[in-house]
Amino acid sequence: MSGDFSVLPGRIIGGGELITFEEIREKVRRLGRVVKTGGSSFRLIPFNESGKDVLDFDDMYPTVYFNMDYSVDFYITGLKYERVIEFIERLSDVLGVPIEYAEMGNETETDPEEELKRLEKFLEEFGGHYGRGKSQSNVSSGNR
């Protein structure tokens, strides 16, 4: 058996501005066991749906590493993609901010304007608001 893992990289949108690293650590405790790793990062080993500490293969969610730069790594070897996405959505709901993740085989660079629109839409759905007004996007380019 090899020790090779497939990792799905992601990032917490609004990390540092809308939610701190310590708030993330506290909020994710309800989803599983939090374990300190090297440095300041930590790992979340999720509970299965029944809330028991022992995971059955069919009930498994990905182990998640949270990094100080608000990036996350989902360890997904042997897991069903649907379960991984389901867990990312649950994690996003618990944190109250969206989580961006690379789609399998379709890693593209993110557009900051598109990311801001997604963040505003997410916050609007949850009754929150982002500090900047939408009128900033209407700045003229100065081209004549």
Protein backbone atom coordinates (compact mmCIF):
# COMPACT_ATOMS: atom_id res chain seq x y z
CA MET A 1 0.00 0.00 0.00
CA SER A 2 1.46 3.35 -0.93
CA GLY A 3 1.42 6.44 1.27
CA ASP A 4 0.38 8.61 -1.66
CA PHE A 5 -2.63 10.90 -1.11
CA SER A 6 -4.72 12.90 -3.50
CA VAL A 7 -5.12 16.44 -2.25
CA LEU A 8 -7.82 18.84 -3.33
CA PRO A 9 -6.52 22.37 -2.64
CA GLY A 10 -8.84 25.15 -1.56
CA ARG A 11 -9.01 28.56 0.04
CA ILE A 12 -11.31 30.23 2.55
CA ILE A 13 -12.64 33.35 0.85
CA GLY A 14 -12.79 36.25 3.30
CA GLY A 15 -10.24 34.62 5.62
CA GLY A 16 -8.54 37.31 7.69
CA GLU A 17 -11.18 39.90 6.80
CA LEU A 18 -14.49 38.23 7.66
CA ILE A 19 -13.23 35.37 9.83
CA THR A 20 -10.01 34.89 11.79
CA PHE A 21 -7.93 31.74 12.02
CA GLU A 22 -8.94 31.26 15.67
CA GLU A 23 -12.64 31.66 14.81
CA ILE A 24 -12.22 28.98 12.14
CA ARG A 25 -10.62 26.63 14.68
CA GLU A 26 -13.47 27.14 17.15
CA LYS A 27 -16.27 26.76 14.59
CA VAL A 28 -14.97 23.54 12.99
CA ARG A 29 -14.85 21.72 16.35
CA ARG A 30 -18.51 20.76 15.92
CA LEU A 31 -17.63 18.85 12.72
CA GLY A 32 -14.93 16.60 14.15
CA ARG A 33 -11.72 16.35 16.08
CA VAL A 34 -9.23 19.22 15.76
CA VAL A 35 -5.57 18.21 15.95
CA LYS A 36 -2.61 20.60 16.07
CA THR A 37 -0.01 20.04 13.37
CA GLY A 38 3.43 21.55 12.92
CA GLY A 39 3.57 25.32 13.18
CA SER A 40 0.29 27.17 13.60
CA SER A 41 -1.80 25.07 11.24
CA PHE A 42 -4.28 22.41 12.36
CA ARG A 43 -6.09 19.39 10.99
CA LEU A 44 -9.78 18.51 11.19
CA ILE A 45 -10.68 14.84 11.27
CA PRO A 46 -14.44 14.90 10.63
CA PHE A 47 -17.04 12.81 12.40
CA ASN A 48 -19.30 10.68 10.25
CA GLU A 49 -22.97 11.57 9.85
CA SER A 50 -24.01 9.71 12.99
CA GLY A 51 -21.64 11.88 15.03
CA LYS A 52 -19.53 8.95 16.18
CA ASP A 53 -15.77 9.28 16.26
CA VAL A 54 -15.23 6.07 14.30
CA LEU A 55 -15.68 6.50 10.56
CA ASP A 56 -17.05 3.81 8.32
CA PHE A 57 -15.63 3.97 4.78
CA ASP A 58 -19.01 4.82 3.23
CA ASP A 59 -19.55 7.62 5.76
CA MET A 60 -16.13 9.21 5.38
CA TYR A 61 -15.50 12.86 4.79
CA PRO A 62 -12.08 14.27 3.89
CA THR A 63 -9.50 15.18 6.49
CA VAL A 64 -8.83 18.91 6.16
CA TYR A 65 -5.63 20.82 6.85
CA PHE A 66 -6.12 24.51 7.65
CA ASN A 67 -3.13 26.76 6.96
CA MET A 68 -2.38 30.24 8.35
CA ASP A 69 -2.70 31.79 4.87
CA TYR A 70 -6.36 30.59 4.85
CA SER A 71 -5.64 27.88 2.32
CA VAL A 72 -7.03 24.41 2.99
CA ASP A 73 -6.04 20.96 1.80
CA PHE A 74 -8.67 18.23 1.55
CA TYR A 75 -7.19 14.71 1.62
CA ILE A 76 -9.53 12.74 -0.63
CA THR A 77 -7.86 9.42 -1.51
CA GLY A 78 -10.47 6.70 -1.77
CA LEU A 79 -13.39 9.01 -1.04
CA LYS A 80 -16.45 9.59 -3.18
CA TYR A 81 -16.31 12.99 -4.89
CA GLU A 82 -19.94 13.70 -3.93
CA ARG A 83 -19.09 13.22 -0.24
CA VAL A 84 -16.11 15.56 -0.53
CA ILE A 85 -18.24 18.30 -2.12
CA GLU A 86 -21.01 17.72 0.45
CA PHE A 87 -18.49 18.19 3.25
CA ILE A 88 -17.01 21.34 1.71
CA GLU A 89 -20.53 22.80 1.55
CA ARG A 90 -21.16 21.87 5.21
CA LEU A 91 -17.83 23.39 6.20
CA SER A 92 -18.66 26.59 4.33
CA ASP A 93 -22.03 26.80 6.10
CA VAL A 94 -20.42 26.31 9.52
CA LEU A 95 -17.79 28.97 8.83
CA GLY A 96 -20.25 31.41 7.25
CA VAL A 97 -17.89 32.16 4.33
CA PRO A 98 -17.43 30.46 0.97
CA ILE A 99 -14.65 27.99 0.30
CA GLU A 100 -13.10 27.95 -3.14
CA TYR A 101 -11.66 24.63 -4.28
CA ALA A 102 -10.04 23.34 -7.43
CA GLU A 103 -12.33 21.24 -9.56
CA MET A 104 -10.77 17.90 -10.37
CA GLY A 105 -8.76 18.24 -13.58
CA ASN A 106 -9.88 21.81 -14.16
CA GLU A 107 -7.54 24.05 -12.20
CA THR A 108 -7.77 27.60 -13.46
CA GLU A 109 -6.62 30.96 -12.15
CA THR A 110 -9.27 32.95 -10.32
CA ASP A 111 -10.46 36.36 -11.43
CA PRO A 112 -10.53 38.77 -8.43
CA GLU A 113 -13.65 40.55 -9.74
CA GLU A 114 -15.48 37.24 -10.15
CA GLU A 115 -14.36 36.18 -6.67
CA LEU A 116 -15.74 39.41 -5.18
CA LYS A 117 -19.08 38.86 -6.96
CA ARG A 118 -19.25 35.30 -5.57
CA LEU A 119 -18.47 36.56 -2.06
CA GLU A 120 -21.15 39.26 -2.28
CA LYS A 121 -23.72 36.73 -3.55
CA PHE A 122 -22.82 34.30 -0.77
CA LEU A 123 -23.12 36.98 1.92
CA GLU A 124 -26.38 38.27 0.42
CA GLU A 125 -27.90 34.77 0.70
CA PHE A 126 -26.95 34.60 4.37
CA GLY A 127 -28.15 38.12 5.18
CA GLY A 128 -24.67 39.58 5.53
CA HIS A 129 -22.94 42.30 3.61
CA TYR A 130 -19.47 43.06 2.37
CA GLY A 131 -17.89 46.38 3.35
CA ARG A 132 -17.37 47.77 -0.17
CA GLY A 133 -20.12 49.27 -2.28
CA LYS A 134 -20.90 47.98 -5.73
CA SER A 135 -20.39 51.44 -7.22
CA GLN A 136 -16.60 50.90 -7.17
CA SER A 137 -16.88 48.54 -10.12
CA ASN A 138 -18.24 51.38 -12.29
CA VAL A 139 -14.93 53.26 -12.53
CA SER A 140 -14.19 54.35 -16.08
CA SER A 141 -11.10 52.89 -17.72
CA GLY A 142 -9.90 56.22 -19.13
CA ASN A 143 -9.58 54.86 -22.68
CA ARG A 144 -10.52 57.36 -25.37
